[in-house]
Amino acid sequence: MSAADPGVIQRLGELVYEVKPMLRERSLYIGPESRLQSDLGLASVEIIDLLVAAEEVFDVVIPDDQTEALLDATLAELAEMLPPGPVGSAAEPAGDRG
């Protein structure tokens, strides 16, 4: 696999803070090697929320059969599945979540 785009990793970190705001309140560092469950403490439903938000922001589809493998992935591993380059604001994902 190729190296993950730092901008994509940063955007994923912002999405993690949106999914679990208490991480920002605790000033928890979120970096490329942060694991979704074991390091960041995301529950399964929060990881699904993160994946849905990433799909909207990056305008991609993450195949259902890869979801289980991503439950304790690092941000870098998740970022490798997403397109590099400019993306929309994490605060304003593309599309309507409603």
N, C-alpha and C. Protein backbone atom coordinates (compact mmCIF):
# COMPACT_ATOMS: atom_id res chain seq x y z
N MET A 1 0.83 -1.19 0.00
CA MET A 1 0.00 0.00 0.00
C MET A 1 0.87 1.25 0.00
N SER A 2 0.32 2.30 -0.56
CA SER A 2 1.05 3.56 -0.61
C SER A 2 0.87 4.31 0.70
N ALA A 3 1.76 5.30 0.90
CA ALA A 3 1.67 6.12 2.12
C ALA A 3 0.40 6.96 2.07
N ALA A 4 -0.21 7.12 3.22
CA ALA A 4 -1.45 7.89 3.31
C ALA A 4 -1.16 9.38 3.20
N ASP A 5 -2.07 10.10 2.57
CA ASP A 5 -1.96 11.55 2.39
C ASP A 5 -2.14 12.24 3.75
N PRO A 6 -1.18 13.09 4.17
CA PRO A 6 -1.30 13.77 5.47
C PRO A 6 -2.56 14.62 5.59
N GLY A 7 -3.02 15.23 4.51
CA GLY A 7 -4.24 16.02 4.55
C GLY A 7 -5.46 15.17 4.82
N VAL A 8 -5.46 13.96 4.27
CA VAL A 8 -6.56 13.03 4.49
C VAL A 8 -6.55 12.57 5.96
N ILE A 9 -5.38 12.30 6.49
CA ILE A 9 -5.27 11.89 7.89
C ILE A 9 -5.76 13.02 8.81
N GLN A 10 -5.37 14.24 8.49
CA GLN A 10 -5.82 15.38 9.30
C GLN A 10 -7.34 15.50 9.27
N ARG A 11 -7.92 15.37 8.08
CA ARG A 11 -9.38 15.48 7.95
C ARG A 11 -10.07 14.35 8.72
N LEU A 12 -9.51 13.14 8.67
CA LEU A 12 -10.08 12.03 9.44
C LEU A 12 -10.02 12.32 10.93
N GLY A 13 -8.92 12.93 11.38
CA GLY A 13 -8.81 13.31 12.78
C GLY A 13 -9.90 14.29 13.18
N GLU A 14 -10.21 15.24 12.30
CA GLU A 14 -11.29 16.19 12.57
C GLU A 14 -12.63 15.46 12.66
N LEU A 15 -12.82 14.49 11.79
CA LEU A 15 -14.06 13.72 11.82
C LEU A 15 -14.18 12.90 13.11
N VAL A 16 -13.04 12.36 13.59
CA VAL A 16 -13.06 11.62 14.85
C VAL A 16 -13.52 12.54 15.97
N TYR A 17 -13.00 13.77 16.00
CA TYR A 17 -13.42 14.73 17.02
C TYR A 17 -14.91 15.04 16.92
N GLU A 18 -15.46 15.05 15.71
CA GLU A 18 -16.90 15.28 15.54
C GLU A 18 -17.71 14.11 16.05
N VAL A 19 -17.23 12.89 15.79
CA VAL A 19 -17.94 11.69 16.21
C VAL A 19 -17.86 11.51 17.73
N LYS A 20 -16.72 11.87 18.31
CA LYS A 20 -16.52 11.70 19.75
C LYS A 20 -15.90 12.98 20.32
N PRO A 21 -16.73 14.01 20.53
CA PRO A 21 -16.24 15.32 20.97
C PRO A 21 -15.44 15.30 22.27
N MET A 22 -15.69 14.33 23.15
CA MET A 22 -14.95 14.30 24.41
C MET A 22 -13.45 14.11 24.19
N LEU A 23 -13.04 13.57 23.05
CA LEU A 23 -11.62 13.43 22.77
C LEU A 23 -10.96 14.80 22.62
N ARG A 24 -11.66 15.75 22.02
CA ARG A 24 -11.14 17.11 21.89
C ARG A 24 -11.10 17.77 23.27
N GLU A 25 -12.15 17.55 24.05
CA GLU A 25 -12.20 18.13 25.40
C GLU A 25 -11.06 17.63 26.26
N ARG A 26 -10.65 16.39 26.06
CA ARG A 26 -9.53 15.80 26.81
C ARG A 26 -8.20 16.10 26.15
N SER A 27 -8.21 16.84 25.03
CA SER A 27 -7.00 17.18 24.27
C SER A 27 -6.20 15.94 23.89
N LEU A 28 -6.91 14.88 23.54
CA LEU A 28 -6.26 13.63 23.15
C LEU A 28 -5.66 13.80 21.75
N TYR A 29 -4.39 13.46 21.61
CA TYR A 29 -3.72 13.53 20.31
C TYR A 29 -4.27 12.45 19.39
N ILE A 30 -4.59 12.83 18.18
CA ILE A 30 -5.03 11.89 17.16
C ILE A 30 -4.06 12.01 15.99
N GLY A 31 -3.32 10.94 15.73
CA GLY A 31 -2.34 10.95 14.65
C GLY A 31 -2.47 9.74 13.76
N PRO A 32 -1.58 9.61 12.79
CA PRO A 32 -1.67 8.54 11.80
C PRO A 32 -1.69 7.13 12.40
N GLU A 33 -0.99 6.93 13.50
CA GLU A 33 -0.90 5.59 14.10
C GLU A 33 -1.94 5.36 15.19
N SER A 34 -2.84 6.32 15.40
CA SER A 34 -3.91 6.16 16.39
C SER A 34 -4.89 5.09 15.91
N ARG A 35 -5.14 4.09 16.75
CA ARG A 35 -6.09 3.03 16.43
C ARG A 35 -7.48 3.45 16.91
N LEU A 36 -8.46 3.20 16.05
CA LEU A 36 -9.81 3.67 16.31
C LEU A 36 -10.39 3.16 17.63
N GLN A 37 -10.27 1.86 17.90
CA GLN A 37 -10.83 1.31 19.13
C GLN A 37 -9.84 1.36 20.28
N SER A 38 -8.68 0.76 20.11
CA SER A 38 -7.78 0.58 21.25
C SER A 38 -7.12 1.88 21.72
N ASP A 39 -6.85 2.81 20.83
CA ASP A 39 -6.22 4.08 21.24
C ASP A 39 -7.24 5.18 21.50
N LEU A 40 -8.23 5.29 20.62
CA LEU A 40 -9.18 6.40 20.71
C LEU A 40 -10.46 6.02 21.45
N GLY A 41 -10.67 4.73 21.66
CA GLY A 41 -11.82 4.28 22.43
C GLY A 41 -13.15 4.42 21.72
N LEU A 42 -13.12 4.44 20.38
CA LEU A 42 -14.38 4.53 19.64
C LEU A 42 -15.13 3.21 19.74
N ALA A 43 -16.42 3.29 20.02
CA ALA A 43 -17.29 2.13 20.01
C ALA A 43 -17.62 1.78 18.56
N SER A 44 -18.12 0.58 18.35
CA SER A 44 -18.44 0.13 16.99
C SER A 44 -19.36 1.11 16.27
N VAL A 45 -20.39 1.59 16.95
CA VAL A 45 -21.33 2.51 16.32
C VAL A 45 -20.65 3.85 15.97
N GLU A 46 -19.70 4.27 16.79
CA GLU A 46 -18.96 5.51 16.49
C GLU A 46 -18.05 5.32 15.28
N ILE A 47 -17.50 4.13 15.14
CA ILE A 47 -16.66 3.84 13.97
C ILE A 47 -17.51 3.84 12.70
N ILE A 48 -18.70 3.26 12.79
CA ILE A 48 -19.61 3.27 11.64
C ILE A 48 -19.97 4.72 11.30
N ASP A 49 -20.26 5.54 12.32
CA ASP A 49 -20.54 6.96 12.08
C ASP A 49 -19.36 7.64 11.40
N LEU A 50 -18.14 7.31 11.84
CA LEU A 50 -16.94 7.88 11.23
C LEU A 50 -16.81 7.47 9.77
N LEU A 51 -17.06 6.19 9.49
CA LEU A 51 -16.95 5.70 8.11
C LEU A 51 -17.99 6.36 7.21
N VAL A 52 -19.22 6.52 7.73
CA VAL A 52 -20.27 7.19 6.95
C VAL A 52 -19.87 8.64 6.68
N ALA A 53 -19.36 9.33 7.70
CA ALA A 53 -18.92 10.72 7.52
C ALA A 53 -17.78 10.80 6.51
N ALA A 54 -16.84 9.86 6.59
CA ALA A 54 -15.71 9.84 5.63
C ALA A 54 -16.21 9.60 4.21
N GLU A 55 -17.19 8.71 4.06
CA GLU A 55 -17.76 8.47 2.73
C GLU A 55 -18.36 9.75 2.16
N GLU A 56 -19.06 10.49 3.01
CA GLU A 56 -19.69 11.73 2.55
C GLU A 56 -18.66 12.81 2.23
N VAL A 57 -17.70 12.99 3.12
CA VAL A 57 -16.69 14.04 2.93
C VAL A 57 -15.81 13.75 1.72
N PHE A 58 -15.40 12.50 1.56
CA PHE A 58 -14.47 12.14 0.49
C PHE A 58 -15.17 11.64 -0.77
N ASP A 59 -16.52 11.57 -0.74
CA ASP A 59 -17.31 11.14 -1.87
C ASP A 59 -16.85 9.78 -2.41
N VAL A 60 -16.78 8.81 -1.48
CA VAL A 60 -16.40 7.44 -1.82
C VAL A 60 -17.36 6.48 -1.14
N VAL A 61 -17.26 5.22 -1.51
CA VAL A 61 -18.00 4.17 -0.83
C VAL A 61 -16.98 3.19 -0.26
N ILE A 62 -17.08 2.96 1.04
CA ILE A 62 -16.22 1.97 1.69
C ILE A 62 -17.03 0.67 1.70
N PRO A 63 -16.55 -0.36 1.03
CA PRO A 63 -17.31 -1.61 0.93
C PRO A 63 -17.62 -2.20 2.30
N ASP A 64 -18.84 -2.70 2.45
CA ASP A 64 -19.28 -3.29 3.72
C ASP A 64 -18.34 -4.40 4.18
N ASP A 65 -17.79 -5.17 3.24
CA ASP A 65 -16.93 -6.29 3.63
C ASP A 65 -15.60 -5.83 4.22
N GLN A 66 -15.28 -4.53 4.13
CA GLN A 66 -14.04 -4.01 4.71
C GLN A 66 -14.28 -3.34 6.06
N THR A 67 -15.54 -3.18 6.44
CA THR A 67 -15.87 -2.48 7.68
C THR A 67 -15.30 -3.18 8.90
N GLU A 68 -15.45 -4.49 8.99
CA GLU A 68 -14.95 -5.21 10.17
C GLU A 68 -13.45 -5.06 10.32
N ALA A 69 -12.71 -5.10 9.21
CA ALA A 69 -11.26 -4.96 9.25
C ALA A 69 -10.85 -3.56 9.72
N LEU A 70 -11.74 -2.59 9.57
CA LEU A 70 -11.41 -1.21 9.94
C LEU A 70 -11.75 -0.88 11.39
N LEU A 71 -12.37 -1.81 12.12
CA LEU A 71 -12.80 -1.51 13.48
C LEU A 71 -11.64 -1.06 14.37
N ASP A 72 -10.47 -1.64 14.22
CA ASP A 72 -9.33 -1.18 15.01
C ASP A 72 -8.17 -0.78 14.11
N ALA A 73 -8.52 -0.21 12.96
CA ALA A 73 -7.50 0.28 12.02
C ALA A 73 -6.88 1.56 12.56
N THR A 74 -5.71 1.90 12.04
CA THR A 74 -5.13 3.20 12.34
C THR A 74 -5.74 4.22 11.39
N LEU A 75 -5.59 5.50 11.72
CA LEU A 75 -6.07 6.53 10.79
C LEU A 75 -5.34 6.42 9.46
N ALA A 76 -4.06 6.08 9.49
CA ALA A 76 -3.30 5.94 8.24
C ALA A 76 -3.87 4.82 7.39
N GLU A 77 -4.24 3.70 8.01
CA GLU A 77 -4.82 2.58 7.25
C GLU A 77 -6.15 2.99 6.62
N LEU A 78 -6.96 3.71 7.37
CA LEU A 78 -8.23 4.19 6.81
C LEU A 78 -7.97 5.20 5.70
N ALA A 79 -7.02 6.09 5.92
CA ALA A 79 -6.70 7.13 4.92
C ALA A 79 -6.24 6.53 3.60
N GLU A 80 -5.57 5.39 3.66
CA GLU A 80 -5.09 4.74 2.43
C GLU A 80 -6.23 4.29 1.53
N MET A 81 -7.43 4.17 2.09
CA MET A 81 -8.60 3.76 1.31
C MET A 81 -9.30 4.95 0.66
N LEU A 82 -8.86 6.17 1.00
CA LEU A 82 -9.54 7.38 0.56
C LEU A 82 -8.69 8.14 -0.45
N PRO A 83 -9.32 8.93 -1.31
CA PRO A 83 -8.57 9.66 -2.32
C PRO A 83 -7.76 10.80 -1.70
N PRO A 84 -6.53 11.03 -2.21
CA PRO A 84 -5.74 12.16 -1.73
C PRO A 84 -6.25 13.47 -2.33
N GLY A 85 -5.70 14.55 -1.84
CA GLY A 85 -6.01 15.86 -2.41
C GLY A 85 -7.08 16.59 -1.65
N PRO A 86 -7.50 17.73 -2.19
CA PRO A 86 -8.45 18.59 -1.49
C PRO A 86 -9.79 17.90 -1.29
N VAL A 87 -10.35 18.12 -0.13
CA VAL A 87 -11.67 17.59 0.18
C VAL A 87 -12.47 18.68 0.86
N GLY A 88 -13.79 18.48 0.94
CA GLY A 88 -14.66 19.47 1.58
C GLY A 88 -14.36 19.58 3.06
N SER A 89 -14.88 20.62 3.66
CA SER A 89 -14.69 20.87 5.08
C SER A 89 -15.30 19.74 5.89
N ALA A 90 -14.60 19.29 6.92
CA ALA A 90 -15.12 18.24 7.79
C ALA A 90 -16.39 18.72 8.49
N ALA A 91 -16.48 20.01 8.70
CA ALA A 91 -17.66 20.56 9.37
C ALA A 91 -18.86 20.60 8.44
N GLU A 92 -18.61 20.57 7.14
CA GLU A 92 -19.68 20.62 6.15
C GLU A 92 -19.49 19.52 5.12
N PRO A 93 -19.78 18.26 5.50
CA PRO A 93 -19.58 17.16 4.55
C PRO A 93 -20.49 17.29 3.34
N ALA A 94 -20.01 16.74 2.24
CA ALA A 94 -20.81 16.74 1.02
C ALA A 94 -22.05 15.92 1.22
N GLY A 95 -23.15 16.35 0.66
CA GLY A 95 -24.39 15.60 0.77
C GLY A 95 -25.12 15.89 2.05
N ASP A 96 -26.32 15.34 2.13
CA ASP A 96 -27.18 15.57 3.29
C ASP A 96 -27.26 14.30 4.10
N ARG A 97 -26.96 14.37 5.41
CA ARG A 97 -26.99 13.19 6.27
C ARG A 97 -28.40 12.80 6.66
N GLY A 98 -29.38 13.70 6.43
CA GLY A 98 -30.76 13.47 6.84
C GLY A 98 -31.40 12.40 6.09
